[in-house]
N, C-alpha and C. Protein backbone atom coordinates (compact mmCIF):
# COMPACT_ATOMS: atom_id res chain seq x y z
N MET A 1 64.36 -22.95 -37.94
CA MET A 1 65.61 -22.56 -37.27
C MET A 1 66.65 -22.17 -38.31
N MET A 2 67.26 -21.02 -38.13
CA MET A 2 68.26 -20.57 -39.08
C MET A 2 69.53 -21.43 -39.00
N LYS A 3 70.24 -21.52 -40.12
CA LYS A 3 71.48 -22.28 -40.17
C LYS A 3 72.54 -21.60 -39.30
N GLU A 4 73.48 -22.40 -38.83
CA GLU A 4 74.52 -21.87 -37.95
C GLU A 4 75.54 -21.04 -38.71
N ASP A 5 75.76 -21.36 -39.97
CA ASP A 5 76.77 -20.63 -40.72
C ASP A 5 76.36 -20.50 -42.18
N ALA A 6 77.16 -19.76 -42.93
CA ALA A 6 76.91 -19.55 -44.35
C ALA A 6 78.25 -19.33 -45.04
N GLY A 7 78.28 -19.52 -46.36
CA GLY A 7 79.52 -19.33 -47.09
C GLY A 7 80.40 -20.56 -47.07
N GLU A 8 81.68 -20.36 -47.41
CA GLU A 8 82.64 -21.46 -47.53
C GLU A 8 83.69 -21.35 -46.43
N ARG A 9 83.78 -22.40 -45.62
CA ARG A 9 84.69 -22.36 -44.49
C ARG A 9 86.15 -22.27 -44.92
N THR A 10 86.46 -22.72 -46.12
CA THR A 10 87.84 -22.68 -46.60
C THR A 10 88.22 -21.32 -47.19
N PHE A 11 87.24 -20.42 -47.31
CA PHE A 11 87.53 -19.10 -47.87
C PHE A 11 88.37 -18.31 -46.85
N PRO A 12 89.33 -17.51 -47.31
CA PRO A 12 90.26 -16.87 -46.37
C PRO A 12 89.70 -15.67 -45.60
N VAL A 13 88.49 -15.21 -45.92
CA VAL A 13 87.88 -14.09 -45.22
C VAL A 13 86.62 -14.57 -44.50
N TRP A 14 86.55 -14.29 -43.20
CA TRP A 14 85.40 -14.69 -42.38
C TRP A 14 84.75 -13.46 -41.75
N LEU A 15 83.44 -13.56 -41.51
CA LEU A 15 82.71 -12.56 -40.75
C LEU A 15 82.17 -13.21 -39.48
N LEU A 16 82.35 -12.55 -38.35
CA LEU A 16 81.87 -13.07 -37.08
C LEU A 16 80.91 -12.07 -36.44
N GLY A 17 79.64 -12.48 -36.35
CA GLY A 17 78.63 -11.64 -35.71
C GLY A 17 78.51 -11.94 -34.24
N ASP A 18 77.51 -11.38 -33.62
CA ASP A 18 77.29 -11.48 -32.18
C ASP A 18 76.49 -12.73 -31.83
N SER A 19 75.21 -12.72 -32.14
CA SER A 19 74.31 -13.84 -31.83
C SER A 19 73.11 -13.77 -32.75
N GLU A 20 72.33 -14.83 -32.77
CA GLU A 20 71.15 -14.86 -33.63
C GLU A 20 70.08 -13.89 -33.12
N PRO A 21 69.40 -13.19 -34.02
CA PRO A 21 68.27 -12.35 -33.59
C PRO A 21 67.12 -13.24 -33.15
N SER A 22 66.86 -13.27 -31.87
CA SER A 22 65.91 -14.25 -31.32
C SER A 22 64.52 -14.13 -31.91
N ASN A 23 64.12 -12.93 -32.28
CA ASN A 23 62.78 -12.74 -32.84
C ASN A 23 62.63 -13.29 -34.25
N TRP A 24 63.76 -13.52 -34.93
CA TRP A 24 63.71 -13.89 -36.34
C TRP A 24 64.43 -15.19 -36.65
N ARG A 25 64.81 -15.95 -35.65
CA ARG A 25 65.62 -17.14 -35.90
C ARG A 25 64.86 -18.23 -36.65
N TYR A 26 63.53 -18.16 -36.63
CA TYR A 26 62.74 -19.14 -37.38
C TYR A 26 62.28 -18.58 -38.73
N VAL A 27 62.74 -17.38 -39.07
CA VAL A 27 62.39 -16.75 -40.33
C VAL A 27 63.60 -16.63 -41.25
N LEU A 28 64.74 -16.26 -40.68
CA LEU A 28 65.96 -16.03 -41.46
C LEU A 28 66.65 -17.34 -41.81
N ASP A 29 67.42 -17.32 -42.89
CA ASP A 29 68.11 -18.54 -43.34
C ASP A 29 69.42 -18.78 -42.61
N GLY A 30 70.14 -17.70 -42.29
CA GLY A 30 71.45 -17.87 -41.66
C GLY A 30 71.97 -16.57 -41.11
N PRO A 31 73.17 -16.59 -40.54
CA PRO A 31 73.75 -15.37 -39.95
C PRO A 31 73.96 -14.28 -40.99
N LEU A 32 73.68 -13.04 -40.60
CA LEU A 32 73.76 -11.90 -41.51
C LEU A 32 72.94 -12.13 -42.78
N ASP A 33 71.77 -12.73 -42.61
CA ASP A 33 70.85 -12.95 -43.72
C ASP A 33 70.60 -11.61 -44.43
N PRO A 34 70.68 -11.58 -45.78
CA PRO A 34 70.49 -10.32 -46.51
C PRO A 34 69.13 -9.67 -46.32
N ARG A 35 68.15 -10.43 -45.81
CA ARG A 35 66.84 -9.83 -45.59
C ARG A 35 66.78 -9.03 -44.30
N HIS A 36 67.75 -9.22 -43.42
CA HIS A 36 67.73 -8.51 -42.15
C HIS A 36 68.45 -7.16 -42.32
N PRO A 37 67.82 -6.06 -41.92
CA PRO A 37 68.42 -4.74 -42.18
C PRO A 37 69.77 -4.51 -41.51
N ILE A 38 70.04 -5.18 -40.39
CA ILE A 38 71.31 -4.93 -39.69
C ILE A 38 72.50 -5.30 -40.56
N ARG A 39 72.35 -6.32 -41.43
CA ARG A 39 73.45 -6.69 -42.33
C ARG A 39 73.86 -5.49 -43.18
N HIS A 40 72.87 -4.78 -43.69
CA HIS A 40 73.17 -3.67 -44.60
C HIS A 40 73.68 -2.44 -43.85
N ASN A 41 73.27 -2.33 -42.58
CA ASN A 41 73.78 -1.23 -41.76
C ASN A 41 75.25 -1.41 -41.38
N ILE A 42 75.66 -2.66 -41.18
CA ILE A 42 77.02 -2.88 -40.65
C ILE A 42 78.00 -3.47 -41.66
N TRP A 43 77.50 -4.12 -42.75
CA TRP A 43 78.41 -4.80 -43.66
C TRP A 43 78.30 -4.32 -45.11
N THR A 44 77.09 -4.19 -45.64
CA THR A 44 76.94 -3.84 -47.05
C THR A 44 77.63 -2.53 -47.38
N SER A 45 77.51 -1.54 -46.51
CA SER A 45 78.12 -0.23 -46.77
C SER A 45 79.64 -0.30 -46.76
N VAL A 46 80.20 -1.19 -45.94
CA VAL A 46 81.64 -1.42 -45.94
C VAL A 46 82.04 -2.17 -47.20
N LEU A 47 81.26 -3.20 -47.55
CA LEU A 47 81.56 -4.02 -48.72
C LEU A 47 81.54 -3.20 -50.01
N ASP A 48 80.61 -2.25 -50.12
CA ASP A 48 80.56 -1.40 -51.31
C ASP A 48 81.88 -0.67 -51.53
N VAL A 49 82.45 -0.16 -50.45
CA VAL A 49 83.73 0.56 -50.57
C VAL A 49 84.85 -0.42 -50.90
N ILE A 50 84.83 -1.59 -50.27
CA ILE A 50 85.83 -2.62 -50.58
C ILE A 50 85.81 -2.95 -52.07
N GLN A 51 84.62 -3.24 -52.59
CA GLN A 51 84.51 -3.65 -53.99
C GLN A 51 84.93 -2.53 -54.94
N GLU A 52 84.52 -1.31 -54.66
CA GLU A 52 84.88 -0.19 -55.53
C GLU A 52 86.40 0.03 -55.52
N THR A 53 87.00 -0.02 -54.34
CA THR A 53 88.44 0.20 -54.24
C THR A 53 89.21 -0.88 -54.98
N ILE A 54 88.80 -2.13 -54.78
CA ILE A 54 89.48 -3.23 -55.45
C ILE A 54 89.31 -3.15 -56.97
N TYR A 55 88.10 -2.84 -57.41
CA TYR A 55 87.84 -2.77 -58.86
C TYR A 55 88.67 -1.68 -59.52
N LEU A 56 88.74 -0.53 -58.89
CA LEU A 56 89.52 0.56 -59.47
C LEU A 56 91.01 0.25 -59.52
N LYS A 57 91.48 -0.60 -58.60
CA LYS A 57 92.91 -0.97 -58.56
C LYS A 57 93.23 -2.15 -59.46
N THR A 58 92.29 -3.11 -59.58
CA THR A 58 92.61 -4.38 -60.24
C THR A 58 91.68 -4.74 -61.39
N GLY A 59 90.53 -4.10 -61.49
CA GLY A 59 89.55 -4.49 -62.49
C GLY A 59 88.81 -5.76 -62.13
N GLN A 60 88.94 -6.21 -60.87
CA GLN A 60 88.28 -7.44 -60.41
C GLN A 60 87.36 -7.14 -59.23
N ARG A 61 86.55 -8.13 -58.91
CA ARG A 61 85.68 -8.02 -57.74
C ARG A 61 85.96 -9.19 -56.79
N PHE A 62 86.04 -8.87 -55.55
CA PHE A 62 86.21 -9.84 -54.46
C PHE A 62 84.97 -10.74 -54.37
N ASN A 63 85.18 -12.03 -54.23
CA ASN A 63 84.07 -12.99 -54.19
C ASN A 63 83.39 -12.98 -52.81
N SER A 64 82.58 -11.96 -52.58
CA SER A 64 81.94 -11.80 -51.28
C SER A 64 80.91 -12.88 -50.99
N VAL A 65 80.42 -13.56 -52.03
CA VAL A 65 79.44 -14.63 -51.83
C VAL A 65 80.05 -15.80 -51.07
N ALA A 66 81.35 -16.02 -51.27
CA ALA A 66 82.03 -17.16 -50.64
C ALA A 66 82.48 -16.89 -49.21
N VAL A 67 82.41 -15.66 -48.75
CA VAL A 67 82.85 -15.31 -47.40
C VAL A 67 82.14 -16.19 -46.37
N TYR A 68 82.90 -16.71 -45.43
CA TYR A 68 82.33 -17.57 -44.38
C TYR A 68 81.76 -16.70 -43.26
N ILE A 69 80.52 -16.99 -42.86
CA ILE A 69 79.83 -16.15 -41.88
C ILE A 69 79.23 -17.02 -40.78
N ARG A 70 79.42 -16.60 -39.53
CA ARG A 70 78.78 -17.25 -38.40
C ARG A 70 78.68 -16.24 -37.25
N ASN A 71 77.92 -16.58 -36.24
CA ASN A 71 77.85 -15.79 -35.03
C ASN A 71 78.72 -16.41 -33.94
N ALA A 72 79.13 -15.60 -33.00
CA ALA A 72 79.92 -16.12 -31.89
C ALA A 72 79.12 -17.17 -31.11
N VAL A 73 77.89 -16.84 -30.77
CA VAL A 73 76.99 -17.79 -30.11
C VAL A 73 75.66 -17.75 -30.84
N ARG A 74 74.92 -18.83 -30.73
CA ARG A 74 73.61 -18.86 -31.40
C ARG A 74 72.56 -18.17 -30.53
N ASP A 75 72.53 -18.52 -29.26
CA ASP A 75 71.52 -17.99 -28.34
C ASP A 75 72.09 -16.80 -27.59
N VAL A 76 71.39 -15.69 -27.61
CA VAL A 76 71.88 -14.49 -26.93
C VAL A 76 72.08 -14.72 -25.43
N HIS A 77 71.37 -15.69 -24.87
CA HIS A 77 71.51 -15.99 -23.45
C HIS A 77 72.84 -16.68 -23.12
N ASP A 78 73.56 -17.11 -24.15
CA ASP A 78 74.88 -17.71 -23.92
C ASP A 78 75.98 -16.66 -23.83
N LYS A 79 75.63 -15.40 -24.07
CA LYS A 79 76.62 -14.33 -23.89
C LYS A 79 76.86 -14.09 -22.40
N PRO A 80 78.09 -13.78 -22.01
CA PRO A 80 78.36 -13.47 -20.60
C PRO A 80 77.84 -12.09 -20.23
N GLU A 81 77.83 -11.78 -18.97
CA GLU A 81 77.55 -10.41 -18.55
C GLU A 81 78.62 -9.50 -19.14
N ASN A 82 78.22 -8.29 -19.49
CA ASN A 82 79.17 -7.43 -20.21
C ASN A 82 80.35 -6.97 -19.37
N ASN A 83 80.32 -7.20 -18.04
CA ASN A 83 81.45 -6.82 -17.18
C ASN A 83 82.17 -8.04 -16.62
N ALA A 84 81.92 -9.22 -17.21
CA ALA A 84 82.50 -10.47 -16.70
C ALA A 84 83.77 -10.82 -17.48
N VAL A 85 84.88 -10.96 -16.76
CA VAL A 85 86.12 -11.42 -17.39
C VAL A 85 86.11 -12.94 -17.50
N GLU A 86 85.63 -13.60 -16.45
CA GLU A 86 85.51 -15.06 -16.47
C GLU A 86 84.18 -15.43 -17.13
N TRP A 87 84.25 -16.27 -18.15
CA TRP A 87 83.05 -16.66 -18.88
C TRP A 87 82.59 -18.05 -18.46
N SER A 88 81.33 -18.34 -18.67
CA SER A 88 80.74 -19.61 -18.26
C SER A 88 81.29 -20.76 -19.10
N VAL A 89 81.08 -21.97 -18.59
CA VAL A 89 81.48 -23.17 -19.34
C VAL A 89 80.81 -23.19 -20.71
N GLN A 90 79.53 -22.83 -20.74
CA GLN A 90 78.79 -22.84 -22.00
C GLN A 90 79.41 -21.88 -23.03
N THR A 91 79.71 -20.67 -22.59
CA THR A 91 80.32 -19.69 -23.51
C THR A 91 81.71 -20.15 -23.93
N ASN A 92 82.48 -20.66 -22.99
CA ASN A 92 83.82 -21.13 -23.32
C ASN A 92 83.80 -22.32 -24.27
N ASN A 93 82.74 -23.11 -24.22
CA ASN A 93 82.61 -24.21 -25.19
C ASN A 93 82.46 -23.65 -26.61
N HIS A 94 81.72 -22.55 -26.73
CA HIS A 94 81.61 -21.90 -28.04
C HIS A 94 82.96 -21.37 -28.49
N VAL A 95 83.71 -20.79 -27.57
CA VAL A 95 85.05 -20.28 -27.90
C VAL A 95 85.94 -21.42 -28.38
N THR A 96 85.92 -22.53 -27.67
CA THR A 96 86.75 -23.69 -28.03
C THR A 96 86.39 -24.22 -29.41
N ARG A 97 85.11 -24.25 -29.70
CA ARG A 97 84.68 -24.74 -31.01
C ARG A 97 85.17 -23.81 -32.12
N PHE A 98 85.07 -22.51 -31.88
CA PHE A 98 85.55 -21.57 -32.90
C PHE A 98 87.06 -21.65 -33.05
N GLU A 99 87.75 -21.85 -31.95
CA GLU A 99 89.21 -22.04 -32.01
C GLU A 99 89.56 -23.23 -32.89
N LYS A 100 88.80 -24.31 -32.77
CA LYS A 100 89.04 -25.51 -33.58
C LYS A 100 88.82 -25.19 -35.07
N LEU A 101 87.78 -24.43 -35.38
CA LEU A 101 87.52 -24.05 -36.77
C LEU A 101 88.67 -23.21 -37.33
N ILE A 102 89.18 -22.30 -36.51
CA ILE A 102 90.31 -21.48 -36.95
C ILE A 102 91.52 -22.35 -37.23
N ARG A 103 91.83 -23.26 -36.33
CA ARG A 103 92.99 -24.13 -36.52
C ARG A 103 92.85 -24.97 -37.78
N GLU A 104 91.66 -25.48 -38.02
CA GLU A 104 91.45 -26.35 -39.18
C GLU A 104 91.52 -25.60 -40.51
N SER A 105 90.96 -24.40 -40.56
CA SER A 105 90.83 -23.69 -41.84
C SER A 105 91.84 -22.57 -42.04
N GLN A 106 92.42 -22.06 -40.97
CA GLN A 106 93.43 -21.00 -41.05
C GLN A 106 93.00 -19.83 -41.94
N PRO A 107 91.89 -19.17 -41.61
CA PRO A 107 91.49 -17.99 -42.39
C PRO A 107 92.54 -16.89 -42.24
N LYS A 108 92.62 -16.04 -43.22
CA LYS A 108 93.59 -14.95 -43.18
C LYS A 108 93.04 -13.71 -42.49
N LEU A 109 91.72 -13.51 -42.58
CA LEU A 109 91.12 -12.29 -42.08
C LEU A 109 89.77 -12.62 -41.44
N ILE A 110 89.65 -12.37 -40.14
CA ILE A 110 88.39 -12.53 -39.43
C ILE A 110 87.90 -11.14 -39.04
N LEU A 111 86.78 -10.73 -39.62
CA LEU A 111 86.20 -9.44 -39.31
C LEU A 111 85.09 -9.64 -38.30
N SER A 112 85.25 -9.07 -37.13
CA SER A 112 84.27 -9.24 -36.05
C SER A 112 83.44 -7.98 -35.90
N PHE A 113 82.15 -8.16 -35.61
CA PHE A 113 81.23 -7.04 -35.50
C PHE A 113 80.87 -6.79 -34.04
N GLY A 114 81.41 -5.73 -33.48
CA GLY A 114 81.05 -5.34 -32.13
C GLY A 114 81.99 -5.88 -31.06
N ALA A 115 81.73 -5.44 -29.82
CA ALA A 115 82.61 -5.72 -28.70
C ALA A 115 82.66 -7.20 -28.33
N PHE A 116 81.50 -7.84 -28.20
CA PHE A 116 81.50 -9.23 -27.78
C PHE A 116 82.16 -10.12 -28.82
N ALA A 117 81.81 -9.95 -30.08
CA ALA A 117 82.40 -10.78 -31.13
C ALA A 117 83.92 -10.61 -31.18
N TYR A 118 84.40 -9.39 -30.94
CA TYR A 118 85.84 -9.17 -30.97
C TYR A 118 86.54 -9.89 -29.83
N GLU A 119 86.04 -9.75 -28.61
CA GLU A 119 86.66 -10.43 -27.48
C GLU A 119 86.56 -11.94 -27.64
N PHE A 120 85.44 -12.41 -28.17
CA PHE A 120 85.25 -13.84 -28.44
C PHE A 120 86.32 -14.34 -29.42
N ALA A 121 86.52 -13.61 -30.51
CA ALA A 121 87.51 -14.02 -31.51
C ALA A 121 88.92 -13.97 -30.95
N ARG A 122 89.22 -12.96 -30.14
CA ARG A 122 90.54 -12.86 -29.51
C ARG A 122 90.82 -14.10 -28.66
N ARG A 123 89.84 -14.49 -27.87
CA ARG A 123 90.04 -15.66 -27.00
C ARG A 123 90.21 -16.93 -27.83
N ALA A 124 89.43 -17.05 -28.89
CA ALA A 124 89.53 -18.24 -29.74
C ALA A 124 90.88 -18.31 -30.44
N ASN A 125 91.47 -17.16 -30.70
CA ASN A 125 92.77 -17.12 -31.37
C ASN A 125 93.93 -17.04 -30.38
N ARG A 126 93.63 -17.24 -29.10
CA ARG A 126 94.62 -17.25 -28.03
C ARG A 126 95.43 -15.96 -27.98
N GLU A 127 94.74 -14.83 -28.14
CA GLU A 127 95.40 -13.54 -28.01
C GLU A 127 95.75 -13.31 -26.53
N PRO A 128 96.84 -12.60 -26.25
CA PRO A 128 97.23 -12.35 -24.85
C PRO A 128 96.22 -11.44 -24.16
N ASP A 129 95.98 -11.72 -22.88
CA ASP A 129 95.08 -10.94 -22.02
C ASP A 129 93.61 -11.15 -22.40
N GLN A 130 92.79 -11.18 -21.37
CA GLN A 130 91.36 -11.31 -21.53
C GLN A 130 90.67 -10.14 -20.84
N TYR A 131 89.59 -9.67 -21.45
CA TYR A 131 88.87 -8.51 -20.94
C TYR A 131 87.38 -8.81 -20.87
N PHE A 132 86.66 -8.08 -20.01
CA PHE A 132 85.21 -8.10 -20.14
C PHE A 132 84.90 -7.39 -21.46
N TYR A 133 83.87 -7.85 -22.16
CA TYR A 133 83.77 -7.39 -23.53
C TYR A 133 83.37 -5.92 -23.66
N ARG A 134 82.75 -5.34 -22.65
CA ARG A 134 82.43 -3.92 -22.73
C ARG A 134 83.68 -3.04 -22.58
N HIS A 135 84.81 -3.66 -22.27
CA HIS A 135 86.08 -2.94 -22.31
C HIS A 135 86.30 -2.35 -23.71
N TRP A 136 85.81 -3.07 -24.71
CA TRP A 136 86.03 -2.66 -26.09
C TRP A 136 84.96 -1.66 -26.53
N ASP A 137 85.09 -0.44 -26.06
CA ASP A 137 84.17 0.61 -26.49
C ASP A 137 84.55 1.06 -27.90
N THR A 138 83.82 2.01 -28.45
CA THR A 138 84.03 2.42 -29.84
C THR A 138 85.44 2.94 -30.08
N ARG A 139 85.94 3.74 -29.15
CA ARG A 139 87.29 4.29 -29.32
C ARG A 139 88.34 3.18 -29.30
N ARG A 140 88.21 2.25 -28.36
CA ARG A 140 89.20 1.16 -28.27
C ARG A 140 89.11 0.23 -29.48
N LEU A 141 87.90 -0.01 -29.97
CA LEU A 141 87.77 -0.83 -31.18
C LEU A 141 88.46 -0.15 -32.36
N GLY A 142 88.34 1.17 -32.44
CA GLY A 142 89.04 1.89 -33.50
C GLY A 142 90.56 1.79 -33.37
N ASP A 143 91.05 1.89 -32.14
CA ASP A 143 92.49 1.72 -31.90
C ASP A 143 92.94 0.32 -32.31
N GLU A 144 92.13 -0.68 -31.96
CA GLU A 144 92.46 -2.06 -32.31
C GLU A 144 92.39 -2.28 -33.81
N PHE A 145 91.43 -1.63 -34.47
CA PHE A 145 91.36 -1.72 -35.93
C PHE A 145 92.67 -1.25 -36.55
N ARG A 146 93.15 -0.08 -36.14
CA ARG A 146 94.39 0.44 -36.70
C ARG A 146 95.58 -0.47 -36.38
N ARG A 147 95.64 -0.95 -35.16
CA ARG A 147 96.74 -1.86 -34.79
C ARG A 147 96.70 -3.13 -35.64
N SER A 148 95.51 -3.70 -35.79
CA SER A 148 95.35 -4.94 -36.56
C SER A 148 95.68 -4.73 -38.03
N ILE A 149 95.21 -3.62 -38.59
CA ILE A 149 95.48 -3.32 -40.00
C ILE A 149 96.99 -3.13 -40.22
N ASP A 150 97.64 -2.41 -39.33
CA ASP A 150 99.07 -2.12 -39.49
C ASP A 150 99.93 -3.38 -39.36
N SER A 151 99.48 -4.33 -38.55
CA SER A 151 100.27 -5.54 -38.32
C SER A 151 99.77 -6.73 -39.14
N CYS A 152 98.83 -6.50 -40.04
CA CYS A 152 98.22 -7.59 -40.80
C CYS A 152 99.27 -8.39 -41.59
N ASN A 153 99.21 -9.70 -41.48
CA ASN A 153 100.17 -10.59 -42.11
C ASN A 153 99.39 -11.70 -42.81
N VAL A 154 99.52 -11.80 -44.12
CA VAL A 154 98.72 -12.78 -44.87
C VAL A 154 99.14 -14.21 -44.58
N ASN A 155 100.21 -14.40 -43.85
CA ASN A 155 100.65 -15.75 -43.50
C ASN A 155 100.13 -16.20 -42.14
N SER A 156 99.27 -15.38 -41.52
CA SER A 156 98.73 -15.74 -40.22
C SER A 156 97.26 -15.35 -40.14
N VAL A 157 96.62 -15.69 -39.03
CA VAL A 157 95.22 -15.33 -38.79
C VAL A 157 95.18 -13.90 -38.22
N ASN A 158 94.44 -13.04 -38.85
CA ASN A 158 94.32 -11.65 -38.42
C ASN A 158 92.88 -11.34 -38.02
N ILE A 159 92.70 -10.86 -36.81
CA ILE A 159 91.37 -10.49 -36.33
C ILE A 159 91.25 -8.98 -36.36
N VAL A 160 90.26 -8.48 -37.09
CA VAL A 160 90.08 -7.04 -37.27
C VAL A 160 88.67 -6.67 -36.81
N PRO A 161 88.55 -5.79 -35.81
CA PRO A 161 87.23 -5.43 -35.30
C PRO A 161 86.53 -4.35 -36.12
N LEU A 162 85.23 -4.52 -36.31
CA LEU A 162 84.37 -3.51 -36.90
C LEU A 162 83.26 -3.19 -35.90
N LEU A 163 82.51 -2.15 -36.19
CA LEU A 163 81.40 -1.79 -35.31
C LEU A 163 80.15 -2.61 -35.64
N HIS A 164 79.28 -2.72 -34.65
CA HIS A 164 78.00 -3.41 -34.86
C HIS A 164 76.91 -2.35 -34.87
N ARG A 165 75.98 -2.40 -33.97
CA ARG A 165 74.81 -1.53 -34.02
C ARG A 165 75.13 -0.05 -33.78
N SER A 166 76.23 0.23 -33.12
CA SER A 166 76.51 1.63 -32.77
C SER A 166 76.66 2.52 -34.00
N ILE A 167 77.11 1.95 -35.12
CA ILE A 167 77.30 2.76 -36.31
C ILE A 167 75.97 3.07 -36.98
N ALA A 168 74.90 2.39 -36.59
CA ALA A 168 73.58 2.62 -37.17
C ALA A 168 72.58 3.13 -36.15
N GLY A 169 73.01 3.39 -34.92
CA GLY A 169 72.12 3.83 -33.86
C GLY A 169 72.02 5.34 -33.77
N GLY A 170 71.38 5.80 -32.73
CA GLY A 170 71.14 7.22 -32.56
C GLY A 170 72.40 8.05 -32.34
N GLN A 171 73.49 7.41 -31.93
CA GLN A 171 74.75 8.12 -31.70
C GLN A 171 75.74 7.90 -32.84
N PHE A 172 75.22 7.64 -34.06
CA PHE A 172 76.12 7.30 -35.16
C PHE A 172 77.15 8.38 -35.49
N PRO A 173 76.83 9.70 -35.40
CA PRO A 173 77.89 10.69 -35.70
C PRO A 173 79.08 10.55 -34.76
N LYS A 174 78.79 10.31 -33.49
CA LYS A 174 79.86 10.15 -32.50
C LYS A 174 80.68 8.90 -32.79
N SER A 175 80.02 7.83 -33.25
CA SER A 175 80.73 6.59 -33.54
C SER A 175 81.73 6.76 -34.68
N HIS A 176 81.37 7.52 -35.70
CA HIS A 176 82.32 7.81 -36.80
C HIS A 176 83.57 8.46 -36.24
N VAL A 177 83.39 9.43 -35.39
CA VAL A 177 84.53 10.19 -34.84
C VAL A 177 85.38 9.31 -33.92
N LEU A 178 84.73 8.61 -33.00
CA LEU A 178 85.47 7.83 -32.01
C LEU A 178 86.24 6.68 -32.66
N PHE A 179 85.61 5.97 -33.57
CA PHE A 179 86.28 4.83 -34.19
C PHE A 179 87.41 5.28 -35.10
N CYS A 180 87.16 6.29 -35.92
CA CYS A 180 88.16 6.72 -36.90
C CYS A 180 89.26 7.58 -36.29
N GLY A 181 88.99 8.14 -35.11
CA GLY A 181 90.00 8.96 -34.46
C GLY A 181 90.15 10.34 -35.06
N ALA A 182 89.16 10.76 -35.84
CA ALA A 182 89.20 12.09 -36.46
C ALA A 182 87.78 12.53 -36.80
N ALA A 183 87.54 13.82 -36.75
CA ALA A 183 86.19 14.34 -36.95
C ALA A 183 85.76 14.36 -38.41
N ASN A 184 86.71 14.28 -39.33
CA ASN A 184 86.38 14.45 -40.74
C ASN A 184 86.38 13.14 -41.52
N LYS A 185 86.32 12.01 -40.83
CA LYS A 185 86.37 10.72 -41.52
C LYS A 185 85.01 10.03 -41.48
N ASN A 186 84.73 9.33 -42.57
CA ASN A 186 83.54 8.50 -42.68
C ASN A 186 83.93 7.06 -42.37
N TYR A 187 83.33 6.47 -41.35
CA TYR A 187 83.67 5.11 -40.92
C TYR A 187 83.66 4.13 -42.08
N PHE A 188 82.60 4.15 -42.90
CA PHE A 188 82.46 3.17 -43.97
C PHE A 188 83.57 3.32 -45.01
N ASN A 189 83.87 4.55 -45.41
CA ASN A 189 84.96 4.77 -46.36
C ASN A 189 86.31 4.40 -45.76
N TYR A 190 86.48 4.74 -44.50
CA TYR A 190 87.75 4.50 -43.81
C TYR A 190 88.06 3.01 -43.71
N VAL A 191 87.14 2.24 -43.14
CA VAL A 191 87.43 0.82 -42.94
C VAL A 191 87.37 0.06 -44.27
N GLY A 192 86.46 0.46 -45.17
CA GLY A 192 86.36 -0.24 -46.45
C GLY A 192 87.63 -0.12 -47.27
N THR A 193 88.21 1.08 -47.29
CA THR A 193 89.45 1.29 -48.04
C THR A 193 90.61 0.50 -47.44
N GLU A 194 90.73 0.54 -46.13
CA GLU A 194 91.82 -0.20 -45.48
C GLU A 194 91.67 -1.71 -45.70
N LEU A 195 90.46 -2.22 -45.56
CA LEU A 195 90.24 -3.65 -45.74
C LEU A 195 90.46 -4.07 -47.18
N ALA A 196 90.11 -3.21 -48.12
CA ALA A 196 90.32 -3.54 -49.54
C ALA A 196 91.79 -3.83 -49.82
N HIS A 197 92.68 -3.03 -49.24
CA HIS A 197 94.11 -3.25 -49.49
C HIS A 197 94.60 -4.55 -48.86
N ARG A 198 94.05 -4.91 -47.70
CA ARG A 198 94.44 -6.17 -47.08
C ARG A 198 93.89 -7.36 -47.86
N ILE A 199 92.70 -7.21 -48.39
CA ILE A 199 92.11 -8.28 -49.20
C ILE A 199 92.88 -8.44 -50.51
N MET A 200 93.31 -7.33 -51.09
CA MET A 200 94.15 -7.44 -52.29
C MET A 200 95.47 -8.14 -51.99
N ASP A 201 96.02 -7.91 -50.80
CA ASP A 201 97.23 -8.63 -50.40
C ASP A 201 96.97 -10.14 -50.38
N ILE A 202 95.83 -10.53 -49.82
CA ILE A 202 95.47 -11.95 -49.80
C ILE A 202 95.31 -12.48 -51.22
N GLY A 203 94.72 -11.67 -52.09
CA GLY A 203 94.46 -12.09 -53.47
C GLY A 203 95.71 -12.28 -54.30
N ARG A 204 96.84 -11.82 -53.80
CA ARG A 204 98.08 -12.02 -54.55
C ARG A 204 98.57 -13.47 -54.48
N THR A 205 98.12 -14.20 -53.46
CA THR A 205 98.56 -15.59 -53.30
C THR A 205 97.40 -16.58 -53.26
N THR A 206 96.16 -16.08 -53.22
CA THR A 206 94.99 -16.95 -53.10
C THR A 206 93.92 -16.46 -54.07
N ASP A 207 93.22 -17.39 -54.71
CA ASP A 207 92.17 -17.03 -55.64
C ASP A 207 90.91 -16.66 -54.86
N ILE A 208 90.61 -15.38 -54.78
CA ILE A 208 89.44 -14.90 -54.04
C ILE A 208 88.51 -14.08 -54.92
N TRP A 209 88.66 -14.21 -56.25
CA TRP A 209 87.98 -13.30 -57.16
C TRP A 209 86.70 -13.89 -57.75
N MET A 210 85.78 -12.98 -58.08
CA MET A 210 84.54 -13.38 -58.75
C MET A 210 84.86 -13.93 -60.14
N ARG A 211 84.08 -14.90 -60.58
CA ARG A 211 84.22 -15.45 -61.93
C ARG A 211 82.96 -15.18 -62.73
N TYR A 212 83.12 -14.72 -63.98
CA TYR A 212 81.98 -14.47 -64.84
C TYR A 212 81.45 -15.79 -65.36
N GLU A 213 80.15 -16.00 -65.20
CA GLU A 213 79.51 -17.22 -65.69
C GLU A 213 78.55 -16.86 -66.80
N LYS A 214 78.72 -17.46 -67.97
CA LYS A 214 77.85 -17.19 -69.12
C LYS A 214 76.49 -17.87 -68.92
């Protein structure tokens, strides 16, 4: 059975996935395991841009190894129906538990992958209004990304949505356009550059940098 989480819970940057891949839960070590290709489709390409942008600005690298990672729910069957505003007791228990983790650790940046993880994180952070998670289509997630980035405050918890499988699926060209809001933008470059600047803001008051070990 794969571990429920990975990384350091006290680290100011968190990643929130959807659910465990049921076919591989007895093979993988933890959420977003580097051996699973979906990690590289949705996160590695963003991280490459983050690291390059930060290095060119500061000469340092963000300590991505310490990033705290977990899924919204472990079992995919604990996800609500995609058109349900009211969630089950079981799903709400997961929300409550994540809310407790947020209160205890006060991360600065929670990056959620996909529609369900974003709505899950919103509820855990007591954001106003609740939606069925399919409300958050690619275009709306892009709008929320821009809103979240523009209002990002290093003194509070910031939830920033990213795409999940849609950016690596058969409709990937359309996803670049819908999320970025322009036909000439590359999703990975767009979100990686924006996130790099927010991470550098965090790094001005918190030690989040890689250390060279001899």
